[in-house]
């Protein structure tokens, strides 16, 4: 799990009405860890912090993570520059045909 999952789905800012945190869970210990992790460039250190955040989330159990889908996206071989978003959006800014 990365900040692209933890902060949008479990962060305090996302707990507000209209945010992605549908459990409206806000835990300051968790928040402090993911905020610190977001500022660290060393991948091993950042991974350790995200592991700590997951321990807090597991202990508190604000929601149950039962599945994470794998999405397949068919695409023609001549399409270049498309990157699938983990949040489901489609950005065609860098898409071209070769």
PDB file of N, CA and C in Angstrom:
ATOM      1  N   UNK A   1       0.842  -1.178   0.000  1.00  0.00           N
ATOM      2  CA  UNK A   1       0.000   0.000   0.000  1.00  0.00           C
ATOM      3  C   UNK A   1       0.885   1.239   0.000  1.00  0.00           C
ATOM      4  N   UNK A   2       0.460   2.197  -0.706  1.00  0.00           N
ATOM      5  CA  UNK A   2       1.233   3.427  -0.799  1.00  0.00           C
ATOM      6  C   UNK A   2       0.372   4.616  -0.423  1.00  0.00           C
ATOM      7  N   UNK A   3       0.997   5.771  -0.523  1.00  0.00           N
ATOM      8  CA  UNK A   3       0.245   6.985  -0.211  1.00  0.00           C
ATOM      9  C   UNK A   3      -0.938   7.155  -1.151  1.00  0.00           C
ATOM     10  N   UNK A   4      -0.868   6.560  -2.349  1.00  0.00           N
ATOM     11  CA  UNK A   4      -1.984   6.669  -3.281  1.00  0.00           C
ATOM     12  C   UNK A   4      -3.191   5.876  -2.790  1.00  0.00           C
ATOM     13  N   UNK A   5      -2.979   5.006  -1.840  1.00  0.00           N
ATOM     14  CA  UNK A   5      -4.083   4.249  -1.258  1.00  0.00           C
ATOM     15  C   UNK A   5      -4.374   4.741   0.154  1.00  0.00           C
ATOM     16  N   UNK A   6      -3.341   4.831   0.978  1.00  0.00           N
ATOM     17  CA  UNK A   6      -3.548   5.122   2.390  1.00  0.00           C
ATOM     18  C   UNK A   6      -4.137   6.503   2.643  1.00  0.00           C
ATOM     19  N   UNK A   7      -3.563   7.525   2.061  1.00  0.00           N
ATOM     20  CA  UNK A   7      -4.057   8.879   2.340  1.00  0.00           C
ATOM     21  C   UNK A   7      -5.432   9.148   1.731  1.00  0.00           C
ATOM     22  N   UNK A   8      -5.687   8.791   0.468  1.00  0.00           N
ATOM     23  CA  UNK A   8      -7.005   9.079  -0.093  1.00  0.00           C
ATOM     24  C   UNK A   8      -8.141   8.268   0.528  1.00  0.00           C
ATOM     25  N   UNK A   9      -7.845   7.062   1.005  1.00  0.00           N
ATOM     26  CA  UNK A   9      -8.913   6.206   1.518  1.00  0.00           C
ATOM     27  C   UNK A   9      -8.981   6.135   3.031  1.00  0.00           C
ATOM     28  N   UNK A  10      -7.932   6.567   3.735  1.00  0.00           N
ATOM     29  CA  UNK A  10      -7.942   6.452   5.195  1.00  0.00           C
ATOM     30  C   UNK A  10      -7.409   7.685   5.905  1.00  0.00           C
ATOM     31  N   UNK A  11      -6.995   8.689   5.166  1.00  0.00           N
ATOM     32  CA  UNK A  11      -6.447   9.883   5.782  1.00  0.00           C
ATOM     33  C   UNK A  11      -7.516  10.783   6.377  1.00  0.00           C
ATOM     34  N   UNK A  12      -7.099  11.618   7.292  1.00  0.00           N
ATOM     35  CA  UNK A  12      -8.037  12.523   7.971  1.00  0.00           C
ATOM     36  C   UNK A  12      -8.678  13.518   7.003  1.00  0.00           C
ATOM     37  N   UNK A  13      -7.902  14.034   6.056  1.00  0.00           N
ATOM     38  CA  UNK A  13      -8.474  14.987   5.096  1.00  0.00           C
ATOM     39  C   UNK A  13      -9.557  14.322   4.258  1.00  0.00           C
ATOM     40  N   UNK A  14      -9.374  13.041   3.958  1.00  0.00           N
ATOM     41  CA  UNK A  14     -10.355  12.311   3.152  1.00  0.00           C
ATOM     42  C   UNK A  14     -11.572  11.895   3.967  1.00  0.00           C
ATOM     43  N   UNK A  15     -11.529  12.075   5.294  1.00  0.00           N
ATOM     44  CA  UNK A  15     -12.655  11.715   6.150  1.00  0.00           C
ATOM     45  C   UNK A  15     -13.771  12.758   6.099  1.00  0.00           C
ATOM     46  N   UNK A  16     -13.470  13.923   5.570  1.00  0.00           N
ATOM     47  CA  UNK A  16     -14.484  14.971   5.476  1.00  0.00           C
ATOM     48  C   UNK A  16     -15.546  14.580   4.462  1.00  0.00           C
ATOM     49  N   UNK A  17     -16.696  15.169   4.584  1.00  0.00           N
ATOM     50  CA  UNK A  17     -17.798  14.881   3.673  1.00  0.00           C
ATOM     51  C   UNK A  17     -17.323  15.075   2.230  1.00  0.00           C
ATOM     52  N   UNK A  18     -17.576  14.095   1.404  1.00  0.00           N
ATOM     53  CA  UNK A  18     -17.173  14.167   0.005  1.00  0.00           C
ATOM     54  C   UNK A  18     -15.795  13.583  -0.256  1.00  0.00           C
ATOM     55  N   UNK A  19     -15.070  13.220   0.787  1.00  0.00           N
ATOM     56  CA  UNK A  19     -13.758  12.614   0.611  1.00  0.00           C
ATOM     57  C   UNK A  19     -13.871  11.124   0.355  1.00  0.00           C
ATOM     58  N   UNK A  20     -12.738  10.494   0.088  1.00  0.00           N
ATOM     59  CA  UNK A  20     -12.725   9.075  -0.233  1.00  0.00           C
ATOM     60  C   UNK A  20     -12.741   8.161   0.976  1.00  0.00           C
ATOM     61  N   UNK A  21     -12.642   8.719   2.177  1.00  0.00           N
ATOM     62  CA  UNK A  21     -12.622   7.926   3.401  1.00  0.00           C
ATOM     63  C   UNK A  21     -14.063   7.736   3.864  1.00  0.00           C
ATOM     64  N   UNK A  22     -14.731   6.722   3.306  1.00  0.00           N
ATOM     65  CA  UNK A  22     -16.160   6.544   3.576  1.00  0.00           C
ATOM     66  C   UNK A  22     -16.449   6.124   5.008  1.00  0.00           C
ATOM     67  N   UNK A  23     -15.432   5.635   5.734  1.00  0.00           N
ATOM     68  CA  UNK A  23     -15.617   5.287   7.150  1.00  0.00           C
ATOM     69  C   UNK A  23     -15.538   6.538   8.033  1.00  0.00           C
ATOM     70  N   UNK A  24     -15.073   7.650   7.459  1.00  0.00           N
ATOM     71  CA  UNK A  24     -14.871   8.909   8.195  1.00  0.00           C
ATOM     72  C   UNK A  24     -13.954   8.688   9.396  1.00  0.00           C
ATOM     73  N   UNK A  25     -12.982   7.794   9.229  1.00  0.00           N
ATOM     74  CA  UNK A  25     -12.017   7.451  10.274  1.00  0.00           C
ATOM     75  C   UNK A  25     -10.858   8.434  10.214  1.00  0.00           C
ATOM     76  N   UNK A  26     -10.512   8.982  11.354  1.00  0.00           N
ATOM     77  CA  UNK A  26      -9.361   9.879  11.446  1.00  0.00           C
ATOM     78  C   UNK A  26      -8.593   9.507  12.705  1.00  0.00           C
ATOM     79  N   UNK A  27      -7.385   8.994  12.517  1.00  0.00           N
ATOM     80  CA  UNK A  27      -6.545   8.564  13.620  1.00  0.00           C
ATOM     81  C   UNK A  27      -5.248   9.359  13.535  1.00  0.00           C
ATOM     82  N   UNK A  28      -4.933  10.129  14.562  1.00  0.00           N
ATOM     83  CA  UNK A  28      -3.783  11.026  14.493  1.00  0.00           C
ATOM     84  C   UNK A  28      -2.460  10.277  14.383  1.00  0.00           C
ATOM     85  N   UNK A  29      -2.341   9.133  15.038  1.00  0.00           N
ATOM     86  CA  UNK A  29      -1.109   8.336  14.933  1.00  0.00           C
ATOM     87  C   UNK A  29      -0.893   7.906  13.473  1.00  0.00           C
ATOM     88  N   UNK A  30      -1.931   7.390  12.847  1.00  0.00           N
ATOM     89  CA  UNK A  30      -1.883   6.983  11.446  1.00  0.00           C
ATOM     90  C   UNK A  30      -1.545   8.181  10.562  1.00  0.00           C
ATOM     91  N   UNK A  31      -2.245   9.281  10.788  1.00  0.00           N
ATOM     92  CA  UNK A  31      -2.055  10.493   9.987  1.00  0.00           C
ATOM     93  C   UNK A  31      -0.610  10.995  10.063  1.00  0.00           C
ATOM     94  N   UNK A  32      -0.047  11.020  11.269  1.00  0.00           N
ATOM     95  CA  UNK A  32       1.335  11.481  11.437  1.00  0.00           C
ATOM     96  C   UNK A  32       2.308  10.595  10.664  1.00  0.00           C
ATOM     97  N   UNK A  33       2.071   9.289  10.691  1.00  0.00           N
ATOM     98  CA  UNK A  33       2.971   8.357   9.996  1.00  0.00           C
ATOM     99  C   UNK A  33       2.906   8.554   8.490  1.00  0.00           C
ATOM    100  N   UNK A  34       1.695   8.610   7.920  1.00  0.00           N
ATOM    101  CA  UNK A  34       1.599   8.739   6.460  1.00  0.00           C
ATOM    102  C   UNK A  34       2.047  10.114   5.987  1.00  0.00           C
ATOM    103  N   UNK A  35       1.849  11.145   6.813  1.00  0.00           N
ATOM    104  CA  UNK A  35       2.334  12.477   6.444  1.00  0.00           C
ATOM    105  C   UNK A  35       3.869  12.481   6.407  1.00  0.00           C
ATOM    106  N   UNK A  36       4.498  11.853   7.401  1.00  0.00           N
ATOM    107  CA  UNK A  36       5.960  11.778   7.424  1.00  0.00           C
ATOM    108  C   UNK A  36       6.471  10.960   6.249  1.00  0.00           C
ATOM    109  N   UNK A  37       5.813   9.835   5.967  1.00  0.00           N
ATOM    110  CA  UNK A  37       6.238   8.977   4.863  1.00  0.00           C
ATOM    111  C   UNK A  37       6.200   9.715   3.530  1.00  0.00           C
ATOM    112  N   UNK A  38       5.240  10.585   3.370  1.00  0.00           N
ATOM    113  CA  UNK A  38       5.097  11.331   2.120  1.00  0.00           C
ATOM    114  C   UNK A  38       6.252  12.288   1.876  1.00  0.00           C
ATOM    115  N   UNK A  39       7.028  12.610   2.925  1.00  0.00           N
ATOM    116  CA  UNK A  39       8.133  13.558   2.769  1.00  0.00           C
ATOM    117  C   UNK A  39       9.494  12.880   2.615  1.00  0.00           C
ATOM    118  N   UNK A  40       9.530  11.557   2.748  1.00  0.00           N
ATOM    119  CA  UNK A  40      10.800  10.830   2.738  1.00  0.00           C
ATOM    120  C   UNK A  40      11.090  10.288   1.345  1.00  0.00           C
ATOM    121  N   UNK A  41      12.306  10.524   0.863  1.00  0.00           N
ATOM    122  CA  UNK A  41      12.667  10.061  -0.477  1.00  0.00           C
ATOM    123  C   UNK A  41      13.298   8.671  -0.478  1.00  0.00           C
ATOM    124  N   UNK A  42      13.848   8.239   0.636  1.00  0.00           N
ATOM    125  CA  UNK A  42      14.449   6.905   0.705  1.00  0.00           C
ATOM    126  C   UNK A  42      13.332   5.859   0.717  1.00  0.00           C
ATOM    127  N   UNK A  43      13.306   5.006  -0.308  1.00  0.00           N
ATOM    128  CA  UNK A  43      12.190   4.068  -0.459  1.00  0.00           C
ATOM    129  C   UNK A  43      12.096   3.071   0.686  1.00  0.00           C
ATOM    130  N   UNK A  44      13.213   2.585   1.183  1.00  0.00           N
ATOM    131  CA  UNK A  44      13.183   1.610   2.282  1.00  0.00           C
ATOM    132  C   UNK A  44      12.620   2.244   3.554  1.00  0.00           C
ATOM    133  N   UNK A  45      13.047   3.467   3.858  1.00  0.00           N
ATOM    134  CA  UNK A  45      12.536   4.164   5.044  1.00  0.00           C
ATOM    135  C   UNK A  45      11.045   4.467   4.898  1.00  0.00           C
ATOM    136  N   UNK A  46      10.656   4.892   3.696  1.00  0.00           N
ATOM    137  CA  UNK A  46       9.247   5.195   3.439  1.00  0.00           C
ATOM    138  C   UNK A  46       8.403   3.927   3.556  1.00  0.00           C
ATOM    139  N   UNK A  47       8.903   2.808   3.039  1.00  0.00           N
ATOM    140  CA  UNK A  47       8.172   1.534   3.124  1.00  0.00           C
ATOM    141  C   UNK A  47       7.968   1.122   4.579  1.00  0.00           C
ATOM    142  N   UNK A  48       8.982   1.322   5.416  1.00  0.00           N
ATOM    143  CA  UNK A  48       8.850   0.990   6.838  1.00  0.00           C
ATOM    144  C   UNK A  48       7.746   1.821   7.502  1.00  0.00           C
ATOM    145  N   UNK A  49       7.679   3.090   7.154  1.00  0.00           N
ATOM    146  CA  UNK A  49       6.624   3.940   7.714  1.00  0.00           C
ATOM    147  C   UNK A  49       5.239   3.497   7.238  1.00  0.00           C
ATOM    148  N   UNK A  50       5.128   3.157   5.966  1.00  0.00           N
ATOM    149  CA  UNK A  50       3.833   2.688   5.468  1.00  0.00           C
ATOM    150  C   UNK A  50       3.441   1.368   6.126  1.00  0.00           C
ATOM    151  N   UNK A  51       4.406   0.534   6.439  1.00  0.00           N
ATOM    152  CA  UNK A  51       4.118  -0.704   7.171  1.00  0.00           C
ATOM    153  C   UNK A  51       3.584  -0.376   8.571  1.00  0.00           C
ATOM    154  N   UNK A  52       4.180   0.612   9.229  1.00  0.00           N
ATOM    155  CA  UNK A  52       3.692   1.040  10.551  1.00  0.00           C
ATOM    156  C   UNK A  52       2.259   1.576  10.447  1.00  0.00           C
ATOM    157  N   UNK A  53       1.985   2.331   9.394  1.00  0.00           N
ATOM    158  CA  UNK A  53       0.640   2.878   9.196  1.00  0.00           C
ATOM    159  C   UNK A  53      -0.369   1.746   9.013  1.00  0.00           C
ATOM    160  N   UNK A  54       0.028   0.714   8.296  1.00  0.00           N
ATOM    161  CA  UNK A  54      -0.868  -0.421   8.095  1.00  0.00           C
ATOM    162  C   UNK A  54      -1.136  -1.163   9.402  1.00  0.00           C
ATOM    163  N   UNK A  55      -0.163  -1.206  10.287  1.00  0.00           N
ATOM    164  CA  UNK A  55      -0.358  -1.830  11.602  1.00  0.00           C
ATOM    165  C   UNK A  55      -1.415  -1.055  12.387  1.00  0.00           C
ATOM    166  N   UNK A  56      -1.318   0.267  12.359  1.00  0.00           N
ATOM    167  CA  UNK A  56      -2.312   1.105  13.043  1.00  0.00           C
ATOM    168  C   UNK A  56      -3.688   0.861  12.432  1.00  0.00           C
ATOM    169  N   UNK A  57      -3.758   0.858  11.108  1.00  0.00           N
ATOM    170  CA  UNK A  57      -5.038   0.650  10.433  1.00  0.00           C
ATOM    171  C   UNK A  57      -5.622  -0.730  10.777  1.00  0.00           C
ATOM    172  N   UNK A  58      -4.783  -1.734  10.788  1.00  0.00           N
ATOM    173  CA  UNK A  58      -5.246  -3.087  11.120  1.00  0.00           C
ATOM    174  C   UNK A  58      -5.750  -3.152  12.567  1.00  0.00           C
ATOM    175  N   UNK A  59      -5.032  -2.507  13.471  1.00  0.00           N
ATOM    176  CA  UNK A  59      -5.417  -2.505  14.886  1.00  0.00           C
ATOM    177  C   UNK A  59      -6.769  -1.819  15.094  1.00  0.00           C
ATOM    178  N   UNK A  60      -6.969  -0.703  14.425  1.00  0.00           N
ATOM    179  CA  UNK A  60      -8.195   0.085  14.584  1.00  0.00           C
ATOM    180  C   UNK A  60      -9.361  -0.455  13.754  1.00  0.00           C
ATOM    181  N   UNK A  61      -9.052  -1.134  12.662  1.00  0.00           N
ATOM    182  CA  UNK A  61     -10.062  -1.724  11.754  1.00  0.00           C
ATOM    183  C   UNK A  61     -11.209  -0.770  11.412  1.00  0.00           C
ATOM    184  N   UNK A  62     -10.905   0.389  10.789  1.00  0.00           N
ATOM    185  CA  UNK A  62     -11.979   1.325  10.430  1.00  0.00           C
ATOM    186  C   UNK A  62     -12.866   0.782   9.312  1.00  0.00           C
ATOM    187  N   UNK A  63     -12.324  -0.114   8.519  1.00  0.00           N
ATOM    188  CA  UNK A  63     -13.076  -0.795   7.467  1.00  0.00           C
ATOM    189  C   UNK A  63     -12.320  -2.061   7.130  1.00  0.00           C
ATOM    190  N   UNK A  64     -12.942  -2.936   6.395  1.00  0.00           N
ATOM    191  CA  UNK A  64     -12.315  -4.208   6.053  1.00  0.00           C
ATOM    192  C   UNK A  64     -11.875  -4.196   4.603  1.00  0.00           C
ATOM    193  N   UNK A  65     -10.621  -4.540   4.386  1.00  0.00           N
ATOM    194  CA  UNK A  65     -10.083  -4.619   3.033  1.00  0.00           C
ATOM    195  C   UNK A  65     -10.226  -6.069   2.576  1.00  0.00           C
ATOM    196  N   UNK A  66     -11.246  -6.333   1.777  1.00  0.00           N
ATOM    197  CA  UNK A  66     -11.487  -7.712   1.378  1.00  0.00           C
ATOM    198  C   UNK A  66     -11.021  -8.007  -0.036  1.00  0.00           C
ATOM    199  N   UNK A  67     -10.800  -6.982  -0.828  1.00  0.00           N
ATOM    200  CA  UNK A  67     -10.383  -7.229  -2.199  1.00  0.00           C
ATOM    201  C   UNK A  67      -9.759  -5.975  -2.784  1.00  0.00           C
ATOM    202  N   UNK A  68      -8.889  -6.200  -3.707  1.00  0.00           N
ATOM    203  CA  UNK A  68      -8.308  -5.118  -4.494  1.00  0.00           C
ATOM    204  C   UNK A  68      -8.276  -5.627  -5.920  1.00  0.00           C
ATOM    205  N   UNK A  69      -9.038  -5.031  -6.760  1.00  0.00           N
ATOM    206  CA  UNK A  69      -9.202  -5.557  -8.103  1.00  0.00           C
ATOM    207  C   UNK A  69      -7.958  -5.356  -8.966  1.00  0.00           C
ATOM    208  N   UNK A  70      -7.818  -6.234  -9.915  1.00  0.00           N
ATOM    209  CA  UNK A  70      -6.816  -6.087 -10.966  1.00  0.00           C
ATOM    210  C   UNK A  70      -7.589  -5.686 -12.211  1.00  0.00           C
ATOM    211  N   UNK A  71      -7.230  -4.563 -12.769  1.00  0.00           N
ATOM    212  CA  UNK A  71      -7.953  -4.045 -13.925  1.00  0.00           C
ATOM    213  C   UNK A  71      -7.109  -4.263 -15.166  1.00  0.00           C
ATOM    214  N   UNK A  72      -7.715  -4.861 -16.156  1.00  0.00           N
ATOM    215  CA  UNK A  72      -7.066  -5.025 -17.457  1.00  0.00           C
ATOM    216  C   UNK A  72      -7.677  -4.026 -18.419  1.00  0.00           C
ATOM    217  N   UNK A  73      -6.844  -3.433 -19.222  1.00  0.00           N
ATOM    218  CA  UNK A  73      -7.309  -2.416 -20.141  1.00  0.00           C
ATOM    219  C   UNK A  73      -6.823  -2.766 -21.546  1.00  0.00           C
ATOM    220  N   UNK A  74      -7.722  -3.155 -22.422  1.00  0.00           N
ATOM    221  CA  UNK A  74      -7.288  -3.476 -23.787  1.00  0.00           C
ATOM    222  C   UNK A  74      -6.857  -2.206 -24.502  1.00  0.00           C
ATOM    223  N   UNK A  75      -5.794  -2.349 -25.295  1.00  0.00           N
ATOM    224  CA  UNK A  75      -5.276  -1.184 -25.994  1.00  0.00           C
ATOM    225  C   UNK A  75      -4.594  -1.631 -27.281  1.00  0.00           C
ATOM    226  N   UNK A  76      -4.728  -0.850 -28.297  1.00  0.00           N
ATOM    227  CA  UNK A  76      -4.062  -1.158 -29.564  1.00  0.00           C
ATOM    228  C   UNK A  76      -2.561  -1.002 -29.401  1.00  0.00           C
ATOM    229  N   UNK A  77      -1.800  -1.763 -30.140  1.00  0.00           N
ATOM    230  CA  UNK A  77      -0.338  -1.763 -30.054  1.00  0.00           C
ATOM    231  C   UNK A  77       0.271  -0.423 -30.446  1.00  0.00           C
ATOM    232  N   UNK A  78      -0.424   0.370 -31.250  1.00  0.00           N
ATOM    233  CA  UNK A  78       0.155   1.645 -31.691  1.00  0.00           C
ATOM    234  C   UNK A  78      -0.150   2.824 -30.764  1.00  0.00           C
ATOM    235  N   UNK A  79      -0.810   2.583 -29.626  1.00  0.00           N
ATOM    236  CA  UNK A  79      -1.081   3.636 -28.646  1.00  0.00           C
ATOM    237  C   UNK A  79       0.125   3.738 -27.713  1.00  0.00           C
ATOM    238  N   UNK A  80       0.658   4.929 -27.569  1.00  0.00           N
ATOM    239  CA  UNK A  80       1.804   5.140 -26.683  1.00  0.00           C
ATOM    240  C   UNK A  80       1.504   6.259 -25.692  1.00  0.00           C
ATOM    241  N   UNK A  81       2.155   6.211 -24.524  1.00  0.00           N
ATOM    242  CA  UNK A  81       2.068   7.285 -23.550  1.00  0.00           C
ATOM    243  C   UNK A  81       0.890   7.219 -22.592  1.00  0.00           C
ATOM    244  N   UNK A  82       0.033   6.204 -22.712  1.00  0.00           N
ATOM    245  CA  UNK A  82      -1.110   6.117 -21.802  1.00  0.00           C
ATOM    246  C   UNK A  82      -0.699   5.414 -20.518  1.00  0.00           C
ATOM    247  N   UNK A  83      -1.044   5.998 -19.378  1.00  0.00           N
ATOM    248  CA  UNK A  83      -0.789   5.387 -18.074  1.00  0.00           C
ATOM    249  C   UNK A  83      -2.122   5.281 -17.351  1.00  0.00           C
ATOM    250  N   UNK A  84      -2.452   4.067 -16.934  1.00  0.00           N
ATOM    251  CA  UNK A  84      -3.715   3.849 -16.236  1.00  0.00           C
ATOM    252  C   UNK A  84      -3.607   4.404 -14.815  1.00  0.00           C
ATOM    253  N   UNK A  85      -4.590   5.166 -14.406  1.00  0.00           N
ATOM    254  CA  UNK A  85      -4.618   5.745 -13.065  1.00  0.00           C
ATOM    255  C   UNK A  85      -5.147   4.728 -12.067  1.00  0.00           C
ATOM    256  N   UNK A  86      -4.536   4.634 -10.874  1.00  0.00           N
ATOM    257  CA  UNK A  86      -5.056   3.722  -9.856  1.00  0.00           C
ATOM    258  C   UNK A  86      -6.397   4.186  -9.287  1.00  0.00           C
ATOM    259  N   UNK A  87      -6.788   5.414  -9.601  1.00  0.00           N
ATOM    260  CA  UNK A  87      -8.033   5.960  -9.083  1.00  0.00           C
ATOM    261  C   UNK A  87      -9.160   5.933 -10.114  1.00  0.00           C
ATOM    262  N   UNK A  88      -8.889   5.353 -11.278  1.00  0.00           N
ATOM    263  CA  UNK A  88      -9.939   5.176 -12.273  1.00  0.00           C
ATOM    264  C   UNK A  88     -10.111   6.300 -13.284  1.00  0.00           C
ATOM    265  N   UNK A  89      -9.328   7.354 -13.172  1.00  0.00           N
ATOM    266  CA  UNK A  89      -9.442   8.459 -14.130  1.00  0.00           C
ATOM    267  C   UNK A  89      -8.668   8.131 -15.402  1.00  0.00           C
ATOM    268  N   UNK A  90      -9.010   8.793 -16.484  1.00  0.00           N
ATOM    269  CA  UNK A  90      -8.307   8.620 -17.751  1.00  0.00           C
ATOM    270  C   UNK A  90      -7.706   9.961 -18.148  1.00  0.00           C
ATOM    271  N   UNK A  91      -6.382  10.014 -18.247  1.00  0.00           N
ATOM    272  CA  UNK A  91      -5.685  11.233 -18.639  1.00  0.00           C
ATOM    273  C   UNK A  91      -5.017  10.967 -19.981  1.00  0.00           C
ATOM    274  N   UNK A  92      -5.480  11.651 -21.003  1.00  0.00           N
ATOM    275  CA  UNK A  92      -4.961  11.440 -22.352  1.00  0.00           C
ATOM    276  C   UNK A  92      -3.952  12.521 -22.760  1.00  0.00           C
ATOM    277  N   UNK A  93      -3.439  13.260 -21.791  1.00  0.00           N
ATOM    278  CA  UNK A  93      -2.525  14.367 -22.084  1.00  0.00           C
ATOM    279  C   UNK A  93      -1.283  13.926 -22.837  1.00  0.00           C
ATOM    280  N   UNK A  94      -0.773  12.747 -22.549  1.00  0.00           N
ATOM    281  CA  UNK A  94       0.480  12.291 -23.138  1.00  0.00           C
ATOM    282  C   UNK A  94       0.281  11.130 -24.103  1.00  0.00           C
ATOM    283  N   UNK A  95      -0.938  10.894 -24.514  1.00  0.00           N
ATOM    284  CA  UNK A  95      -1.245   9.784 -25.412  1.00  0.00           C
ATOM    285  C   UNK A  95      -1.031  10.202 -26.857  1.00  0.00           C
ATOM    286  N   UNK A  96      -0.480   9.276 -27.620  1.00  0.00           N
ATOM    287  CA  UNK A  96      -0.256   9.516 -29.041  1.00  0.00           C
ATOM    288  C   UNK A  96      -0.315   8.164 -29.752  1.00  0.00           C
ATOM    289  N   UNK A  97      -0.307   8.233 -31.081  1.00  0.00           N
ATOM    290  CA  UNK A  97      -0.244   7.021 -31.894  1.00  0.00           C
ATOM    291  C   UNK A  97       1.102   6.975 -32.579  1.00  0.00           C
ATOM    292  N   UNK A  98       1.720   5.809 -32.605  1.00  0.00           N
ATOM    293  CA  UNK A  98       3.014   5.706 -33.293  1.00  0.00           C
ATOM    294  C   UNK A  98       2.826   5.159 -34.680  1.00  0.00           C
TER     295      UNK A  98
END
